[in-house]
Amino acid sequence: MGPNCRRLLPGIERAKFWRQEQDGTVAFSANGVDPIVTFAVADGDGYESYAPAAPLLSLAATGDFRD
């Protein structure tokens, strides 16, 4: 997460885990269970957040993955 993300969605800086569900949604959480933010496939490339409803966030792969 970028350093300014917590100003948009307090708590998102604690996200350590992500999980893709069978319906294609992707959830980020601090504990691997309780989602901080959940994304669904958007029109075109990437994902858009839907929970919480605001602010609207987008998620896209940059190809810069780290272990």
PDB file of N, CA and C in Angstrom:
ATOM      1  N   MET A   1       0.837  -1.167   0.000  1.00  0.00           N
ATOM      2  CA  MET A   1       0.000   0.000   0.000  1.00  0.00           C
ATOM      3  C   MET A   1       0.886   1.236   0.000  1.00  0.00           C
ATOM      4  N   GLY A   2       0.479   2.228  -0.751  1.00  0.00           N
ATOM      5  CA  GLY A   2       1.219   3.479  -0.785  1.00  0.00           C
ATOM      6  C   GLY A   2       1.072   4.248   0.518  1.00  0.00           C
ATOM      7  N   PRO A   3       2.015   5.137   0.799  1.00  0.00           N
ATOM      8  CA  PRO A   3       2.010   5.863   2.075  1.00  0.00           C
ATOM      9  C   PRO A   3       0.791   6.769   2.270  1.00  0.00           C
ATOM     10  N   ASN A   4       0.148   7.189   1.213  1.00  0.00           N
ATOM     11  CA  ASN A   4      -1.009   8.076   1.339  1.00  0.00           C
ATOM     12  C   ASN A   4      -2.329   7.323   1.433  1.00  0.00           C
ATOM     13  N   CYS A   5      -2.315   6.010   1.325  1.00  0.00           N
ATOM     14  CA  CYS A   5      -3.553   5.225   1.320  1.00  0.00           C
ATOM     15  C   CYS A   5      -4.344   5.366   2.608  1.00  0.00           C
ATOM     16  N   ARG A   6      -3.675   5.465   3.747  1.00  0.00           N
ATOM     17  CA  ARG A   6      -4.412   5.537   5.012  1.00  0.00           C
ATOM     18  C   ARG A   6      -5.221   6.816   5.148  1.00  0.00           C
ATOM     19  N   ARG A   7      -4.842   7.861   4.393  1.00  0.00           N
ATOM     20  CA  ARG A   7      -5.655   9.085   4.411  1.00  0.00           C
ATOM     21  C   ARG A   7      -6.980   8.853   3.706  1.00  0.00           C
ATOM     22  N   LEU A   8      -7.000   7.986   2.709  1.00  0.00           N
ATOM     23  CA  LEU A   8      -8.232   7.670   1.993  1.00  0.00           C
ATOM     24  C   LEU A   8      -9.084   6.650   2.735  1.00  0.00           C
ATOM     25  N   LEU A   9      -8.432   5.653   3.314  1.00  0.00           N
ATOM     26  CA  LEU A   9      -9.150   4.573   3.996  1.00  0.00           C
ATOM     27  C   LEU A   9      -8.360   4.181   5.241  1.00  0.00           C
ATOM     28  N   PRO A  10      -8.655   4.826   6.376  1.00  0.00           N
ATOM     29  CA  PRO A  10      -7.927   4.509   7.611  1.00  0.00           C
ATOM     30  C   PRO A  10      -7.962   3.018   7.908  1.00  0.00           C
ATOM     31  N   GLY A  11      -6.805   2.463   8.258  1.00  0.00           N
ATOM     32  CA  GLY A  11      -6.683   1.039   8.565  1.00  0.00           C
ATOM     33  C   GLY A  11      -6.119   0.216   7.430  1.00  0.00           C
ATOM     34  N   ILE A  12      -6.164   0.735   6.222  1.00  0.00           N
ATOM     35  CA  ILE A  12      -5.677  -0.051   5.084  1.00  0.00           C
ATOM     36  C   ILE A  12      -4.170  -0.297   5.161  1.00  0.00           C
ATOM     37  N   GLU A  13      -3.466   0.570   5.874  1.00  0.00           N
ATOM     38  CA  GLU A  13      -2.019   0.374   5.995  1.00  0.00           C
ATOM     39  C   GLU A  13      -1.686  -0.875   6.807  1.00  0.00           C
ATOM     40  N   ARG A  14      -2.658  -1.435   7.521  1.00  0.00           N
ATOM     41  CA  ARG A  14      -2.456  -2.670   8.300  1.00  0.00           C
ATOM     42  C   ARG A  14      -2.625  -3.927   7.458  1.00  0.00           C
ATOM     43  N   ALA A  15      -3.060  -3.805   6.226  1.00  0.00           N
ATOM     44  CA  ALA A  15      -3.308  -4.980   5.377  1.00  0.00           C
ATOM     45  C   ALA A  15      -2.025  -5.775   5.162  1.00  0.00           C
ATOM     46  N   LYS A  16      -2.087  -7.045   5.508  1.00  0.00           N
ATOM     47  CA  LYS A  16      -0.948  -7.952   5.340  1.00  0.00           C
ATOM     48  C   LYS A  16      -1.302  -9.163   4.495  1.00  0.00           C
ATOM     49  N   PHE A  17      -2.591  -9.436   4.375  1.00  0.00           N
ATOM     50  CA  PHE A  17      -3.055 -10.633   3.682  1.00  0.00           C
ATOM     51  C   PHE A  17      -4.048 -10.251   2.594  1.00  0.00           C
ATOM     52  N   TRP A  18      -4.080 -11.052   1.549  1.00  0.00           N
ATOM     53  CA  TRP A  18      -5.138 -10.917   0.546  1.00  0.00           C
ATOM     54  C   TRP A  18      -5.669 -12.297   0.230  1.00  0.00           C
ATOM     55  N   ARG A  19      -6.930 -12.333  -0.132  1.00  0.00           N
ATOM     56  CA  ARG A  19      -7.586 -13.608  -0.400  1.00  0.00           C
ATOM     57  C   ARG A  19      -8.542 -13.428  -1.573  1.00  0.00           C
ATOM     58  N   GLN A  20      -8.444 -14.307  -2.559  1.00  0.00           N
ATOM     59  CA  GLN A  20      -9.379 -14.276  -3.679  1.00  0.00           C
ATOM     60  C   GLN A  20     -10.446 -15.326  -3.433  1.00  0.00           C
ATOM     61  N   GLU A  21     -11.706 -14.902  -3.468  1.00  0.00           N
ATOM     62  CA  GLU A  21     -12.834 -15.784  -3.224  1.00  0.00           C
ATOM     63  C   GLU A  21     -13.272 -16.472  -4.517  1.00  0.00           C
ATOM     64  N   GLN A  22     -14.113 -17.482  -4.400  1.00  0.00           N
ATOM     65  CA  GLN A  22     -14.593 -18.223  -5.567  1.00  0.00           C
ATOM     66  C   GLN A  22     -15.388 -17.342  -6.520  1.00  0.00           C
ATOM     67  N   ASP A  23     -16.022 -16.287  -6.002  1.00  0.00           N
ATOM     68  CA  ASP A  23     -16.801 -15.396  -6.865  1.00  0.00           C
ATOM     69  C   ASP A  23     -15.933 -14.364  -7.582  1.00  0.00           C
ATOM     70  N   GLY A  24     -14.616 -14.419  -7.371  1.00  0.00           N
ATOM     71  CA  GLY A  24     -13.695 -13.512  -8.040  1.00  0.00           C
ATOM     72  C   GLY A  24     -13.350 -12.268  -7.259  1.00  0.00           C
ATOM     73  N   THR A  25     -14.025 -12.026  -6.128  1.00  0.00           N
ATOM     74  CA  THR A  25     -13.690 -10.862  -5.324  1.00  0.00           C
ATOM     75  C   THR A  25     -12.351 -11.077  -4.639  1.00  0.00           C
ATOM     76  N   VAL A  26     -11.694  -9.972  -4.288  1.00  0.00           N
ATOM     77  CA  VAL A  26     -10.411 -10.005  -3.605  1.00  0.00           C
ATOM     78  C   VAL A  26     -10.537  -9.155  -2.353  1.00  0.00           C
ATOM     79  N   ALA A  27     -10.174  -9.731  -1.196  1.00  0.00           N
ATOM     80  CA  ALA A  27     -10.264  -9.021   0.075  1.00  0.00           C
ATOM     81  C   ALA A  27      -8.878  -8.878   0.687  1.00  0.00           C
ATOM     82  N   PHE A  28      -8.608  -7.706   1.238  1.00  0.00           N
ATOM     83  CA  PHE A  28      -7.376  -7.439   1.971  1.00  0.00           C
ATOM     84  C   PHE A  28      -7.716  -7.337   3.445  1.00  0.00           C
ATOM     85  N   SER A  29      -6.872  -7.945   4.305  1.00  0.00           N
ATOM     86  CA  SER A  29      -7.137  -7.920   5.739  1.00  0.00           C
ATOM     87  C   SER A  29      -5.834  -7.830   6.523  1.00  0.00           C
ATOM     88  N   ALA A  30      -5.977  -7.487   7.800  1.00  0.00           N
ATOM     89  CA  ALA A  30      -4.827  -7.430   8.695  1.00  0.00           C
ATOM     90  C   ALA A  30      -4.568  -8.785   9.340  1.00  0.00           C
ATOM     91  N   ASN A  31      -5.631  -9.602   9.468  1.00  0.00           N
ATOM     92  CA  ASN A  31      -5.508 -10.861  10.192  1.00  0.00           C
ATOM     93  C   ASN A  31      -5.782 -12.103   9.342  1.00  0.00           C
ATOM     94  N   GLY A  32      -6.021 -11.926   8.048  1.00  0.00           N
ATOM     95  CA  GLY A  32      -6.303 -13.054   7.172  1.00  0.00           C
ATOM     96  C   GLY A  32      -7.758 -13.464   7.150  1.00  0.00           C
ATOM     97  N   VAL A  33      -8.605 -12.783   7.948  1.00  0.00           N
ATOM     98  CA  VAL A  33     -10.017 -13.158   8.048  1.00  0.00           C
ATOM     99  C   VAL A  33     -10.945 -11.968   7.796  1.00  0.00           C
ATOM    100  N   ASP A  34     -10.811 -10.921   8.608  1.00  0.00           N
ATOM    101  CA  ASP A  34     -11.728  -9.780   8.578  1.00  0.00           C
ATOM    102  C   ASP A  34     -11.282  -8.761   7.534  1.00  0.00           C
ATOM    103  N   PRO A  35     -12.044  -8.589   6.459  1.00  0.00           N
ATOM    104  CA  PRO A  35     -11.614  -7.690   5.384  1.00  0.00           C
ATOM    105  C   PRO A  35     -11.611  -6.222   5.797  1.00  0.00           C
ATOM    106  N   ILE A  36     -10.570  -5.528   5.376  1.00  0.00           N
ATOM    107  CA  ILE A  36     -10.505  -4.075   5.506  1.00  0.00           C
ATOM    108  C   ILE A  36     -11.159  -3.447   4.288  1.00  0.00           C
ATOM    109  N   VAL A  37     -10.876  -4.035   3.131  1.00  0.00           N
ATOM    110  CA  VAL A  37     -11.459  -3.575   1.869  1.00  0.00           C
ATOM    111  C   VAL A  37     -11.632  -4.781   0.954  1.00  0.00           C
ATOM    112  N   THR A  38     -12.715  -4.780   0.182  1.00  0.00           N
ATOM    113  CA  THR A  38     -13.001  -5.868  -0.748  1.00  0.00           C
ATOM    114  C   THR A  38     -13.206  -5.301  -2.144  1.00  0.00           C
ATOM    115  N   PHE A  39     -12.602  -5.951  -3.124  1.00  0.00           N
ATOM    116  CA  PHE A  39     -12.649  -5.511  -4.516  1.00  0.00           C
ATOM    117  C   PHE A  39     -13.376  -6.533  -5.371  1.00  0.00           C
ATOM    118  N   ALA A  40     -14.041  -6.049  -6.415  1.00  0.00           N
ATOM    119  CA  ALA A  40     -14.672  -6.909  -7.416  1.00  0.00           C
ATOM    120  C   ALA A  40     -14.101  -6.535  -8.781  1.00  0.00           C
ATOM    121  N   VAL A  41     -14.188  -7.456  -9.732  1.00  0.00           N
ATOM    122  CA  VAL A  41     -13.693  -7.199 -11.079  1.00  0.00           C
ATOM    123  C   VAL A  41     -14.411  -5.984 -11.658  1.00  0.00           C
ATOM    124  N   ALA A  42     -13.637  -5.074 -12.224  1.00  0.00           N
ATOM    125  CA  ALA A  42     -14.185  -3.855 -12.810  1.00  0.00           C
ATOM    126  C   ALA A  42     -14.336  -4.019 -14.312  1.00  0.00           C
ATOM    127  N   ASP A  43     -15.008  -3.076 -14.930  1.00  0.00           N
ATOM    128  CA  ASP A  43     -15.046  -3.044 -16.395  1.00  0.00           C
ATOM    129  C   ASP A  43     -13.632  -2.763 -16.872  1.00  0.00           C
ATOM    130  N   GLY A  44     -13.144  -3.550 -17.790  1.00  0.00           N
ATOM    131  CA  GLY A  44     -11.770  -3.380 -18.257  1.00  0.00           C
ATOM    132  C   GLY A  44     -10.811  -4.118 -17.352  1.00  0.00           C
ATOM    133  N   ASP A  45      -9.596  -3.606 -17.242  1.00  0.00           N
ATOM    134  CA  ASP A  45      -8.565  -4.229 -16.413  1.00  0.00           C
ATOM    135  C   ASP A  45      -8.717  -3.797 -14.965  1.00  0.00           C
ATOM    136  N   GLY A  46      -8.405  -4.698 -14.070  1.00  0.00           N
ATOM    137  CA  GLY A  46      -8.342  -4.361 -12.666  1.00  0.00           C
ATOM    138  C   GLY A  46      -9.613  -4.612 -11.886  1.00  0.00           C
ATOM    139  N   TYR A  47      -9.633  -4.057 -10.688  1.00  0.00           N
ATOM    140  CA  TYR A  47     -10.714  -4.249  -9.725  1.00  0.00           C
ATOM    141  C   TYR A  47     -11.108  -2.900  -9.136  1.00  0.00           C
ATOM    142  N   GLU A  48     -12.355  -2.802  -8.655  1.00  0.00           N
ATOM    143  CA  GLU A  48     -12.823  -1.624  -7.931  1.00  0.00           C
ATOM    144  C   GLU A  48     -13.376  -2.077  -6.594  1.00  0.00           C
ATOM    145  N   SER A  49     -13.166  -1.253  -5.580  1.00  0.00           N
ATOM    146  CA  SER A  49     -13.663  -1.594  -4.250  1.00  0.00           C
ATOM    147  C   SER A  49     -15.177  -1.421  -4.182  1.00  0.00           C
ATOM    148  N   TYR A  50     -15.801  -2.245  -3.346  1.00  0.00           N
ATOM    149  CA  TYR A  50     -17.226  -2.079  -3.102  1.00  0.00           C
ATOM    150  C   TYR A  50     -17.557  -2.149  -1.611  1.00  0.00           C
ATOM    151  N   ALA A  51     -16.636  -2.578  -0.798  1.00  0.00           N
ATOM    152  CA  ALA A  51     -16.850  -2.603   0.642  1.00  0.00           C
ATOM    153  C   ALA A  51     -15.567  -2.170   1.317  1.00  0.00           C
ATOM    154  N   PRO A  52     -15.512  -1.065   1.974  1.00  0.00           N
ATOM    155  CA  PRO A  52     -16.602  -0.123   2.177  1.00  0.00           C
ATOM    156  C   PRO A  52     -16.978   0.581   0.875  1.00  0.00           C
ATOM    157  N   ALA A  53     -18.155   1.181   0.864  1.00  0.00           N
ATOM    158  CA  ALA A  53     -18.668   1.822  -0.354  1.00  0.00           C
ATOM    159  C   ALA A  53     -17.901   3.085  -0.721  1.00  0.00           C
ATOM    160  N   ALA A  54     -17.322   3.747   0.242  1.00  0.00           N
ATOM    161  CA  ALA A  54     -16.548   4.959  -0.042  1.00  0.00           C
ATOM    162  C   ALA A  54     -15.300   4.926   0.821  1.00  0.00           C
ATOM    163  N   PRO A  55     -14.182   5.363   0.345  1.00  0.00           N
ATOM    164  CA  PRO A  55     -13.954   5.893  -0.995  1.00  0.00           C
ATOM    165  C   PRO A  55     -13.838   4.760  -2.014  1.00  0.00           C
ATOM    166  N   LEU A  56     -14.089   5.077  -3.265  1.00  0.00           N
ATOM    167  CA  LEU A  56     -13.933   4.101  -4.336  1.00  0.00           C
ATOM    168  C   LEU A  56     -12.448   3.964  -4.646  1.00  0.00           C
ATOM    169  N   LEU A  57     -11.923   2.760  -4.539  1.00  0.00           N
ATOM    170  CA  LEU A  57     -10.512   2.474  -4.797  1.00  0.00           C
ATOM    171  C   LEU A  57     -10.399   1.559  -5.999  1.00  0.00           C
ATOM    172  N   SER A  58      -9.286   1.647  -6.697  1.00  0.00           N
ATOM    173  CA  SER A  58      -9.043   0.723  -7.800  1.00  0.00           C
ATOM    174  C   SER A  58      -7.791  -0.084  -7.493  1.00  0.00           C
ATOM    175  N   LEU A  59      -7.731  -1.267  -8.068  1.00  0.00           N
ATOM    176  CA  LEU A  59      -6.630  -2.194  -7.847  1.00  0.00           C
ATOM    177  C   LEU A  59      -6.221  -2.759  -9.193  1.00  0.00           C
ATOM    178  N   ALA A  60      -4.936  -2.673  -9.500  1.00  0.00           N
ATOM    179  CA  ALA A  60      -4.418  -3.220 -10.749  1.00  0.00           C
ATOM    180  C   ALA A  60      -3.011  -3.761 -10.498  1.00  0.00           C
ATOM    181  N   ALA A  61      -2.683  -4.833 -11.165  1.00  0.00           N
ATOM    182  CA  ALA A  61      -1.341  -5.421 -11.053  1.00  0.00           C
ATOM    183  C   ALA A  61      -0.344  -4.578 -11.812  1.00  0.00           C
ATOM    184  N   THR A  62       0.829  -4.409 -11.227  1.00  0.00           N
ATOM    185  CA  THR A  62       1.892  -3.657 -11.900  1.00  0.00           C
ATOM    186  C   THR A  62       2.974  -4.578 -12.433  1.00  0.00           C
ATOM    187  N   GLY A  63       2.917  -5.850 -12.034  1.00  0.00           N
ATOM    188  CA  GLY A  63       3.951  -6.783 -12.448  1.00  0.00           C
ATOM    189  C   GLY A  63       5.142  -6.775 -11.526  1.00  0.00           C
ATOM    190  N   ASP A  64       5.106  -5.967 -10.461  1.00  0.00           N
ATOM    191  CA  ASP A  64       6.201  -5.853  -9.504  1.00  0.00           C
ATOM    192  C   ASP A  64       5.841  -6.623  -8.249  1.00  0.00           C
ATOM    193  N   PHE A  65       5.891  -7.958  -8.324  1.00  0.00           N
ATOM    194  CA  PHE A  65       5.518  -8.787  -7.184  1.00  0.00           C
ATOM    195  C   PHE A  65       6.761  -9.173  -6.410  1.00  0.00           C
ATOM    196  N   ARG A  66       6.640  -9.182  -5.087  1.00  0.00           N
ATOM    197  CA  ARG A  66       7.745  -9.558  -4.230  1.00  0.00           C
ATOM    198  C   ARG A  66       7.332 -10.730  -3.364  1.00  0.00           C
ATOM    199  N   ASP A  67       8.289 -11.567  -3.000  1.00  0.00           N
ATOM    200  CA  ASP A  67       8.019 -12.692  -2.095  1.00  0.00           C
ATOM    201  C   ASP A  67       7.909 -12.203  -0.677  1.00  0.00           C
TER     202      ASP A  67
END
